[in-house]
Amino acid sequence: MRKIQTKITLPSLIYLSIVVLTSLEACWPISFFGVIITSLMIIFLVIEFPKASRIAQIMGATLGFIGIVAALSSDKVGVIGDGFSQAKIFLVMFFAVSWLQLPSRISPSLDAARKVITSQPPGKRFLIAALGVHGLGAVLNLAGLSLVASMINQAQNLNLKRRLTIALTLGFSSASSWSPFYISMVVVLLAIPSLNFWELSPFGLVVALGSIFTGWLYDRLTSLDANLVVPQMARVLNFRECARLGILLLGLVFLVMVTMDFFKVSIPIALGIIAPLFSMIWWEVITYSKNEIFGTGIRLGVETIAGLENLRSEVIIFVAATIFGVGLSSVGSEASISFILEEYITSVDVRIAVLTFSGIGLGMLGLHPVILVILIGETISPEALGVKDWIMGLSLLSIWGLSTMVNPFSGTNLYLAKVTSISPYTIAWSWNIPVVLLATGISTGILICLNNFWN
């Protein structure tokens, strides 16, 4: 029987208070909420910093220090508070996604989808795996990836393990180009306030599918002579399973969108409101169908809240990256950046390519895309870059997922390294780089075409 964590610590209560106050502030703006939320965030960071991963400690301390020093040197200390104010929405998003983790592990509907994805024969396996994890991840985030990651360990040889790892990382990461349930969309909308989800998502889906099919074509061309063992006959979903899966995934999306419209709030706030209630009802339905007992949803809530302190590393990195971005923006001048672009990079098409490939290069160096996105959003306007705001937003979204694929410290690669017992450096720098460079080229081409030919 799975052990249930029921001890709710002070840091978890502080985290819950931040989320509740941030949600209340979004619905009913009250001035003193901001001061309380910032104070609670600082207390949480102070308590949890020693317990965070070494990578989070190094990145958090470095980025936060540079951002604070930059703000102090420019006599704009107030931007540090702005950094905390902007970063609080990330905590809400992490909170919301954490509620979906446990129900997704025991859901019969998702288990049926997992069996369909993992039972595909050679020739279809790469594409179905990539598209399958793309669809599941777009709604369930990391829970969608964890459902099918076990198929990598079923591979008969290292080459097949490599191909499946690429398929899953590409399918999962590319959803960051359009899904409202990925932190990438939250960061980009925060960096470019003139945009909304509906302006970016349709084109982001095109970019994502372009990346996936580029990866599939690369796999087909480089693995023609692979010695593959045909697995069991491919499983298909029956009508009832399709209906239940559709109701589950589309139901969550529908409720979030309705909440956004009703309360006039952002995606993270809407998801933060809906996810707890949705997950507890989902859990109740699953457990009742298996054991015919009620009341387990409360235990799920207790366990999820008790685990909020475990989000410490993500919080440290994202808060520090936000302070880094606003701090450096207080020093830099958009006029000087515009001068450099106009003097040395006169072609707008080349600027787009420099932006996308630079993002990949920074990812290879281990920098999280949140750093680049926030920094660019704070220092360069779409007008200075010479593009429409949605083209700039779409460029940043396309960078996000692909750069995490070549980042050995990204959450996706670290998770798959743990599942597969393969070094994250091998996954990021050996296996993923070729397909990422190709997909970046295709994505950049799509962006250039949209900028030139789409009004």
Protein backbone atom coordinates (compact mmCIF):
# COMPACT_ATOMS: atom_id res chain seq x y z
CA MET A 1 0.00 0.00 0.00
CA ARG A 2 1.28 3.48 -0.87
CA LYS A 3 2.40 5.48 2.16
CA ILE A 4 0.44 8.70 2.53
CA GLN A 5 2.28 11.82 3.71
CA THR A 6 0.00 13.58 6.20
CA LYS A 7 2.34 15.89 8.11
CA ILE A 8 1.78 19.47 6.94
CA THR A 9 4.86 21.51 7.84
CA LEU A 10 5.22 25.27 8.29
CA PRO A 11 6.83 25.80 4.84
CA SER A 12 3.91 23.97 3.19
CA LEU A 13 1.44 26.18 5.06
CA ILE A 14 3.38 29.28 4.01
CA TYR A 15 3.30 28.10 0.39
CA LEU A 16 -0.46 27.46 0.61
CA SER A 17 -0.98 30.93 2.09
CA ILE A 18 0.95 32.51 -0.79
CA VAL A 19 -1.26 30.73 -3.32
CA VAL A 20 -4.49 31.62 -1.54
CA LEU A 21 -3.57 35.28 -1.14
CA THR A 22 -2.34 35.54 -4.74
CA SER A 23 -5.63 34.07 -5.99
CA LEU A 24 -7.65 36.43 -3.80
CA GLU A 25 -5.59 39.39 -4.99
CA ALA A 26 -6.26 38.43 -8.62
CA CYS A 27 -10.01 38.35 -8.02
CA TRP A 28 -10.26 41.25 -5.56
CA PRO A 29 -7.19 43.52 -5.70
CA ILE A 30 -6.27 44.77 -2.23
CA SER A 31 -3.06 46.77 -1.85
CA PHE A 32 -1.66 45.20 1.33
CA PHE A 33 -1.90 41.66 -0.12
CA GLY A 34 1.25 42.31 -2.15
CA VAL A 35 3.37 43.14 0.92
CA ILE A 36 2.14 40.05 2.78
CA ILE A 37 2.77 37.76 -0.22
CA THR A 38 6.30 39.08 -0.75
CA SER A 39 7.09 38.66 2.94
CA LEU A 40 5.82 35.08 2.92
CA MET A 41 7.86 34.30 -0.21
CA ILE A 42 11.04 35.58 1.44
CA ILE A 43 10.35 33.51 4.57
CA PHE A 44 9.74 30.39 2.45
CA LEU A 45 12.97 30.93 0.52
CA VAL A 46 15.02 31.46 3.68
CA ILE A 47 13.65 28.29 5.31
CA GLU A 48 13.88 26.05 2.24
CA PHE A 49 17.10 27.25 0.59
CA PRO A 50 19.35 24.88 2.61
CA LYS A 51 17.15 21.91 1.61
CA ALA A 52 17.09 22.68 -2.12
CA SER A 53 19.10 20.81 -4.73
CA ARG A 54 22.68 21.94 -5.28
CA ILE A 55 21.85 23.15 -8.79
CA ALA A 56 18.96 25.25 -7.48
CA GLN A 57 21.16 26.72 -4.74
CA ILE A 58 23.91 27.70 -7.18
CA MET A 59 21.58 29.11 -9.82
CA GLY A 60 19.36 30.84 -7.27
CA ALA A 61 22.20 32.47 -5.38
CA THR A 62 24.02 33.55 -8.55
CA LEU A 63 21.01 34.96 -10.39
CA GLY A 64 19.54 36.60 -7.32
CA PHE A 65 22.85 38.22 -6.36
CA ILE A 66 23.44 39.61 -9.87
CA GLY A 67 19.89 40.94 -10.08
CA ILE A 68 20.05 42.64 -6.68
CA VAL A 69 23.49 44.17 -7.35
CA ALA A 70 22.27 45.46 -10.73
CA ALA A 71 19.20 47.04 -9.14
CA LEU A 72 21.29 48.66 -6.40
CA SER A 73 23.84 50.01 -8.90
CA SER A 74 21.08 51.70 -10.87
CA ASP A 75 19.40 53.13 -7.74
CA LYS A 76 16.21 51.23 -8.58
CA VAL A 77 15.82 49.07 -5.51
CA GLY A 78 12.08 48.95 -6.06
CA VAL A 79 12.46 46.57 -9.00
CA ILE A 80 13.47 43.82 -6.56
CA GLY A 81 9.97 44.00 -5.11
CA ASP A 82 8.62 43.95 -8.65
CA GLY A 83 10.54 40.72 -9.19
CA PHE A 84 8.84 39.05 -6.24
CA SER A 85 5.48 40.40 -7.39
CA GLN A 86 5.93 38.91 -10.86
CA ALA A 87 7.28 35.59 -9.56
CA LYS A 88 4.33 34.80 -7.28
CA ILE A 89 2.28 33.60 -10.25
CA PHE A 90 4.82 30.81 -10.81
CA LEU A 91 4.13 29.46 -7.34
CA VAL A 92 0.43 29.25 -8.19
CA MET A 93 1.20 27.31 -11.38
CA PHE A 94 3.45 24.84 -9.56
CA PHE A 95 0.74 24.42 -6.92
CA ALA A 96 -1.93 23.68 -9.52
CA VAL A 97 0.14 21.15 -11.45
CA SER A 98 1.10 19.29 -8.26
CA TRP A 99 -2.56 18.41 -7.64
CA LEU A 100 -2.76 16.46 -10.90
CA GLN A 101 0.20 14.18 -10.19
CA LEU A 102 -1.32 11.58 -7.87
CA PRO A 103 -4.70 11.01 -9.62
CA SER A 104 -2.97 10.63 -12.99
CA ARG A 105 -0.89 7.72 -11.65
CA ILE A 106 -3.91 5.53 -10.88
CA SER A 107 -6.39 6.72 -13.52
CA PRO A 108 -7.77 3.78 -15.60
CA SER A 109 -8.39 6.14 -18.54
CA LEU A 110 -4.82 7.37 -18.58
CA ASP A 111 -3.53 3.84 -18.08
CA ALA A 112 -5.44 2.77 -21.19
CA ALA A 113 -3.86 5.64 -23.13
CA ARG A 114 -0.44 4.63 -21.84
CA LYS A 115 -0.92 1.04 -23.06
CA VAL A 116 -1.88 2.28 -26.53
CA ILE A 117 1.22 4.46 -26.75
CA THR A 118 3.64 1.83 -25.45
CA SER A 119 2.32 -1.05 -27.55
CA GLN A 120 2.96 0.48 -30.97
CA PRO A 121 5.07 -1.53 -33.46
CA PRO A 122 8.24 -0.32 -35.21
CA GLY A 123 7.50 2.28 -37.86
CA LYS A 124 4.77 3.90 -35.78
CA ARG A 125 6.33 3.85 -32.34
CA PHE A 126 8.39 7.07 -32.51
CA LEU A 127 5.60 9.22 -33.93
CA ILE A 128 2.85 7.78 -31.71
CA ALA A 129 5.05 8.09 -28.62
CA ALA A 130 5.88 11.72 -29.42
CA LEU A 131 2.30 12.72 -30.26
CA GLY A 132 0.88 10.72 -27.35
CA VAL A 133 3.08 12.27 -24.68
CA HIS A 134 2.54 15.64 -26.37
CA GLY A 135 -1.22 15.41 -25.91
CA LEU A 136 -1.06 14.05 -22.37
CA GLY A 137 1.65 16.48 -21.31
CA ALA A 138 -0.19 19.46 -22.77
CA VAL A 139 -2.90 18.97 -20.13
CA LEU A 140 -1.21 17.00 -17.33
CA ASN A 141 2.32 18.45 -17.61
CA LEU A 142 5.00 16.18 -16.09
CA ALA A 143 2.35 13.64 -15.06
CA GLY A 144 1.77 12.97 -18.77
CA LEU A 145 5.45 12.20 -19.32
CA SER A 146 5.70 9.97 -16.26
CA LEU A 147 2.85 7.81 -17.56
CA VAL A 148 4.76 6.59 -20.59
CA ALA A 149 8.41 6.98 -19.56
CA SER A 150 8.56 3.33 -18.52
CA MET A 151 8.47 2.29 -22.19
CA ILE A 152 12.11 3.39 -22.48
CA ASN A 153 13.24 0.68 -20.07
CA GLN A 154 11.40 -1.91 -22.18
CA ALA A 155 13.70 -1.17 -25.13
CA GLN A 156 15.70 -4.17 -26.33
CA ASN A 157 18.92 -2.24 -27.05
CA LEU A 158 20.62 1.10 -26.42
CA ASN A 159 19.78 2.46 -29.87
CA LEU A 160 16.06 1.90 -29.33
CA LYS A 161 16.34 3.44 -25.86
CA ARG A 162 17.95 6.50 -27.44
CA ARG A 163 15.21 6.83 -30.05
CA LEU A 164 12.40 6.50 -27.52
CA THR A 165 14.06 9.01 -25.20
CA ILE A 166 14.27 11.52 -28.06
CA ALA A 167 10.64 10.87 -28.98
CA LEU A 168 9.40 11.46 -25.44
CA THR A 169 11.53 14.53 -24.75
CA LEU A 170 10.62 16.09 -28.10
CA GLY A 171 6.91 15.34 -27.76
CA PHE A 172 6.72 16.54 -24.17
CA SER A 173 8.93 19.61 -24.50
CA SER A 174 7.34 20.89 -27.72
CA ALA A 175 3.99 21.28 -25.96
CA SER A 176 5.53 24.29 -24.21
CA SER A 177 5.01 26.16 -27.50
CA TRP A 178 1.26 26.34 -27.03
CA SER A 179 -0.15 24.64 -23.92
CA PRO A 180 -1.70 26.92 -21.27
CA PHE A 181 -0.74 24.38 -18.61
CA TYR A 182 3.02 24.84 -19.15
CA ILE A 183 4.97 27.42 -17.19
CA SER A 184 6.44 28.67 -20.50
CA MET A 185 3.13 30.23 -21.52
CA VAL A 186 2.85 31.93 -18.14
CA VAL A 187 6.34 33.42 -18.37
CA VAL A 188 5.91 34.67 -21.95
CA LEU A 189 2.54 36.29 -21.21
CA LEU A 190 4.14 37.93 -18.19
CA ALA A 191 7.11 39.13 -20.25
CA ILE A 192 4.91 40.53 -23.05
CA PRO A 193 1.71 41.80 -21.35
CA SER A 194 0.09 42.89 -24.63
CA LEU A 195 -0.42 39.23 -25.62
CA ASN A 196 -3.04 36.70 -24.63
CA PHE A 197 -3.15 32.92 -24.84
CA TRP A 198 -5.46 32.79 -27.88
CA GLU A 199 -3.07 34.86 -30.00
CA LEU A 200 -0.19 32.47 -29.42
CA SER A 201 -1.60 28.98 -28.95
CA PRO A 202 -2.77 28.15 -32.53
CA PHE A 203 0.54 29.18 -34.08
CA GLY A 204 2.44 27.55 -31.23
CA LEU A 205 0.72 24.26 -32.04
CA VAL A 206 1.92 24.56 -35.64
CA VAL A 207 5.49 25.12 -34.44
CA ALA A 208 5.22 22.16 -32.05
CA LEU A 209 3.93 19.78 -34.71
CA GLY A 210 6.65 20.98 -37.07
CA SER A 211 9.25 20.04 -34.46
CA ILE A 212 7.69 16.63 -33.83
CA PHE A 213 7.48 15.69 -37.50
CA THR A 214 11.03 16.93 -38.05
CA GLY A 215 12.15 14.61 -35.26
CA TRP A 216 10.19 11.72 -36.72
CA LEU A 217 11.70 12.26 -40.17
CA TYR A 218 15.19 12.45 -38.65
CA ASP A 219 14.53 9.20 -36.80
CA ARG A 220 13.30 7.46 -39.95
CA LEU A 221 16.32 8.56 -41.98
CA THR A 222 18.90 7.66 -39.34
CA SER A 223 17.40 4.37 -38.14
CA LEU A 224 16.54 2.54 -41.35
CA ASP A 225 18.80 -0.37 -40.46
CA ALA A 226 17.91 -0.55 -36.78
CA ASN A 227 17.42 -4.06 -35.49
CA LEU A 228 14.07 -3.82 -33.75
CA VAL A 229 12.06 -6.47 -32.01
CA VAL A 230 8.37 -6.33 -32.85
CA PRO A 231 6.35 -6.01 -29.64
CA GLN A 232 2.90 -7.31 -28.92
CA MET A 233 0.03 -6.33 -31.18
CA ALA A 234 -0.77 -2.62 -30.92
CA ARG A 235 -3.61 -1.85 -28.55
CA VAL A 236 -6.37 0.59 -29.47
CA LEU A 237 -8.82 2.51 -27.33
CA ASN A 238 -12.42 1.38 -27.45
CA PHE A 239 -15.27 3.88 -27.58
CA ARG A 240 -15.82 3.93 -23.83
CA GLU A 241 -12.14 4.53 -23.12
CA CYS A 242 -12.00 7.30 -25.72
CA ALA A 243 -15.05 8.96 -24.20
CA ARG A 244 -13.70 8.78 -20.66
CA LEU A 245 -10.29 10.10 -21.70
CA GLY A 246 -11.89 12.92 -23.67
CA ILE A 247 -14.17 13.90 -20.81
CA LEU A 248 -11.21 13.89 -18.42
CA LEU A 249 -8.80 16.01 -20.46
CA LEU A 250 -11.25 18.30 -22.23
CA GLY A 251 -13.28 18.69 -19.04
CA LEU A 252 -10.28 20.12 -17.21
CA VAL A 253 -9.50 22.49 -20.09
CA PHE A 254 -13.14 23.62 -20.29
CA LEU A 255 -13.39 24.32 -16.56
CA VAL A 256 -10.18 26.34 -16.57
CA MET A 257 -11.31 28.43 -19.54
CA VAL A 258 -14.73 29.07 -17.97
CA THR A 259 -13.07 30.12 -14.72
CA MET A 260 -10.79 32.49 -16.61
CA ASP A 261 -13.76 34.13 -18.29
CA PHE A 262 -15.96 34.26 -15.19
CA PHE A 263 -13.41 35.69 -12.74
CA LYS A 264 -11.38 37.57 -15.39
CA VAL A 265 -8.14 36.00 -14.18
CA SER A 266 -5.03 34.54 -15.80
CA ILE A 267 -4.48 30.88 -16.67
CA PRO A 268 -2.41 30.02 -13.56
CA ILE A 269 -4.99 31.54 -11.22
CA ALA A 270 -7.83 29.72 -12.98
CA LEU A 271 -5.93 26.43 -12.88
CA GLY A 272 -5.04 27.04 -9.23
CA ILE A 273 -8.76 27.43 -8.43
CA ILE A 274 -9.95 24.44 -10.46
CA ALA A 275 -7.15 21.88 -10.01
CA PRO A 276 -7.69 21.08 -6.29
CA LEU A 277 -11.44 20.49 -6.59
CA PHE A 278 -11.09 18.70 -9.94
CA SER A 279 -8.35 16.42 -8.61
CA MET A 280 -10.22 15.49 -5.44
CA ILE A 281 -13.35 14.61 -7.40
CA TRP A 282 -11.25 12.68 -9.90
CA TRP A 283 -9.57 10.79 -7.05
CA GLU A 284 -12.92 10.02 -5.42
CA VAL A 285 -14.30 8.59 -8.67
CA ILE A 286 -11.24 6.37 -9.17
CA THR A 287 -11.10 5.04 -5.63
CA TYR A 288 -14.86 4.44 -5.47
CA SER A 289 -14.77 2.47 -8.71
CA LYS A 290 -12.00 0.27 -7.27
CA ASN A 291 -12.88 0.01 -3.57
CA GLU A 292 -16.40 1.45 -3.31
CA ILE A 293 -15.41 3.87 -0.56
CA PHE A 294 -15.86 7.63 -0.25
CA GLY A 295 -13.82 10.25 1.56
CA THR A 296 -10.39 9.62 0.09
CA GLY A 297 -10.32 12.99 -1.70
CA ILE A 298 -9.62 14.73 1.59
CA ARG A 299 -6.58 12.53 2.13
CA LEU A 300 -5.38 13.42 -1.36
CA GLY A 301 -5.71 17.11 -0.44
CA VAL A 302 -3.72 16.64 2.76
CA GLU A 303 -0.98 14.74 0.94
CA THR A 304 -0.74 17.32 -1.83
CA ILE A 305 -0.59 20.25 0.59
CA ALA A 306 1.98 18.42 2.72
CA GLY A 307 4.17 18.04 -0.37
CA LEU A 308 4.20 21.74 -1.29
CA GLU A 309 7.50 22.25 0.52
CA ASN A 310 9.10 19.89 -2.03
CA LEU A 311 8.62 22.57 -4.71
CA ARG A 312 11.47 24.54 -3.11
CA SER A 313 14.00 24.10 -5.95
CA GLU A 314 11.58 25.26 -8.65
CA VAL A 315 10.56 28.26 -6.55
CA ILE A 316 14.17 29.29 -5.88
CA ILE A 317 15.15 29.13 -9.55
CA PHE A 318 12.11 30.98 -10.88
CA VAL A 319 12.11 33.72 -8.23
CA ALA A 320 15.85 34.26 -8.68
CA ALA A 321 15.51 34.33 -12.49
CA THR A 322 12.77 36.95 -12.22
CA ILE A 323 14.87 39.15 -9.92
CA PHE A 324 17.80 38.66 -12.32
CA GLY A 325 15.70 39.80 -15.27
CA VAL A 326 14.19 42.90 -13.67
CA GLY A 327 17.54 43.79 -12.08
CA LEU A 328 19.48 43.75 -15.34
CA SER A 329 16.67 45.55 -17.15
CA SER A 330 17.07 48.44 -14.71
CA VAL A 331 20.66 48.86 -15.88
CA GLY A 332 20.25 48.32 -19.60
CA SER A 333 18.73 50.75 -22.04
CA GLU A 334 16.35 49.69 -24.80
CA ALA A 335 17.68 52.54 -26.92
CA SER A 336 21.21 51.13 -26.83
CA ILE A 337 19.94 47.65 -27.67
CA SER A 338 17.93 49.05 -30.58
CA PHE A 339 21.06 50.84 -31.82
CA ILE A 340 23.07 47.60 -31.75
CA LEU A 341 20.36 45.72 -33.64
CA GLU A 342 19.99 48.43 -36.27
CA GLU A 343 23.75 48.82 -36.68
CA TYR A 344 24.89 45.19 -36.75
CA ILE A 345 21.82 43.00 -37.40
CA THR A 346 19.82 44.90 -39.98
CA SER A 347 17.75 41.95 -41.23
CA VAL A 348 14.70 41.14 -39.10
CA ASP A 349 14.83 37.54 -40.33
CA VAL A 350 18.40 37.22 -39.08
CA ARG A 351 17.35 38.72 -35.72
CA ILE A 352 14.73 36.00 -35.32
CA ALA A 353 17.29 33.32 -36.16
CA VAL A 354 19.84 34.82 -33.75
CA LEU A 355 17.21 34.86 -31.00
CA THR A 356 16.14 31.24 -31.48
CA PHE A 357 19.59 29.71 -31.91
CA SER A 358 21.02 31.82 -29.07
CA GLY A 359 18.32 30.36 -26.83
CA ILE A 360 19.44 26.86 -27.80
CA GLY A 361 23.07 27.76 -27.14
CA LEU A 362 22.25 29.09 -23.68
CA GLY A 363 20.28 25.93 -22.97
CA MET A 364 23.32 23.83 -23.87
CA LEU A 365 25.28 25.83 -21.30
CA GLY A 366 22.76 24.84 -18.65
CA LEU A 367 20.78 28.08 -18.39
CA HIS A 368 17.05 27.66 -17.84
CA PRO A 369 14.91 29.32 -20.54
CA VAL A 370 13.07 31.37 -17.90
CA ILE A 371 16.25 33.46 -17.58
CA LEU A 372 16.35 34.31 -21.28
CA VAL A 373 12.61 34.93 -21.61
CA ILE A 374 12.35 37.25 -18.61
CA LEU A 375 15.54 39.11 -19.53
CA ILE A 376 14.42 39.68 -23.12
CA GLY A 377 10.92 40.61 -22.05
CA GLU A 378 12.30 43.20 -19.64
CA THR A 379 14.94 44.71 -21.94
CA ILE A 380 13.80 44.36 -25.58
CA SER A 381 10.41 45.35 -26.93
CA PRO A 382 8.93 43.76 -30.07
CA GLU A 383 9.30 47.13 -31.78
CA ALA A 384 13.03 47.20 -31.04
CA LEU A 385 13.37 43.70 -32.44
CA GLY A 386 11.38 44.77 -35.50
CA VAL A 387 8.61 42.17 -35.19
CA LYS A 388 4.99 41.97 -34.08
CA ASP A 389 4.47 41.21 -30.41
CA TRP A 390 2.98 37.77 -31.09
CA ILE A 391 5.94 36.81 -33.29
CA MET A 392 8.29 37.68 -30.46
CA GLY A 393 6.14 35.73 -28.00
CA LEU A 394 5.98 32.76 -30.34
CA SER A 395 9.76 32.87 -30.79
CA LEU A 396 10.29 32.71 -27.03
CA LEU A 397 7.82 29.84 -26.70
CA SER A 398 9.56 27.86 -29.45
CA ILE A 399 12.91 28.36 -27.71
CA TRP A 400 11.63 27.15 -24.35
CA GLY A 401 10.95 23.49 -25.03
CA LEU A 402 13.81 22.88 -27.45
CA SER A 403 16.37 24.53 -25.16
CA THR A 404 15.32 22.30 -22.26
CA MET A 405 16.07 19.27 -24.45
CA VAL A 406 19.77 20.23 -24.70
CA ASN A 407 20.01 21.41 -21.09
CA PRO A 408 21.43 18.60 -18.89
CA PHE A 409 20.01 20.33 -15.80
CA SER A 410 16.44 20.69 -17.08
CA GLY A 411 13.69 18.94 -15.14
CA THR A 412 12.76 16.83 -18.16
CA ASN A 413 16.26 15.46 -18.75
CA LEU A 414 16.93 14.91 -15.05
CA TYR A 415 13.68 12.98 -14.72
CA LEU A 416 14.37 10.78 -17.76
CA ALA A 417 17.94 10.23 -16.59
CA LYS A 418 16.55 8.90 -13.33
CA VAL A 419 14.06 6.65 -15.12
CA THR A 420 16.51 5.29 -17.69
CA SER A 421 19.76 5.29 -15.66
CA ILE A 422 21.35 7.20 -18.55
CA SER A 423 23.46 10.30 -17.81
CA PRO A 424 21.55 13.57 -18.39
CA TYR A 425 24.65 14.83 -20.20
CA THR A 426 24.36 11.95 -22.67
CA ILE A 427 20.66 12.63 -23.20
CA ALA A 428 21.08 16.39 -23.62
CA TRP A 429 24.42 16.76 -25.40
CA SER A 430 24.69 13.53 -27.38
CA TRP A 431 21.23 12.23 -28.15
CA ASN A 432 19.12 15.40 -28.37
CA ILE A 433 21.39 17.99 -30.01
CA PRO A 434 21.04 16.85 -33.67
CA VAL A 435 17.25 16.74 -33.65
CA VAL A 436 17.02 19.97 -31.67
CA LEU A 437 19.17 21.85 -34.19
CA LEU A 438 17.00 20.54 -37.04
CA ALA A 439 13.77 21.37 -35.20
CA THR A 440 15.08 24.83 -34.34
CA GLY A 441 15.82 25.42 -38.00
CA ILE A 442 12.27 24.40 -38.96
CA SER A 443 10.74 26.48 -36.16
CA THR A 444 12.81 29.49 -37.17
CA GLY A 445 11.67 29.08 -40.77
CA ILE A 446 8.03 28.98 -39.66
CA LEU A 447 8.53 32.11 -37.56
CA ILE A 448 10.16 33.98 -40.43
CA CYS A 449 7.39 33.01 -42.82
CA LEU A 450 4.70 34.08 -40.34
CA ASN A 451 6.45 37.40 -39.75
CA ASN A 452 6.72 38.14 -43.47
CA PHE A 453 3.47 36.76 -44.84
CA TRP A 454 0.89 36.66 -42.01
CA ASN A 455 -0.84 39.90 -41.10
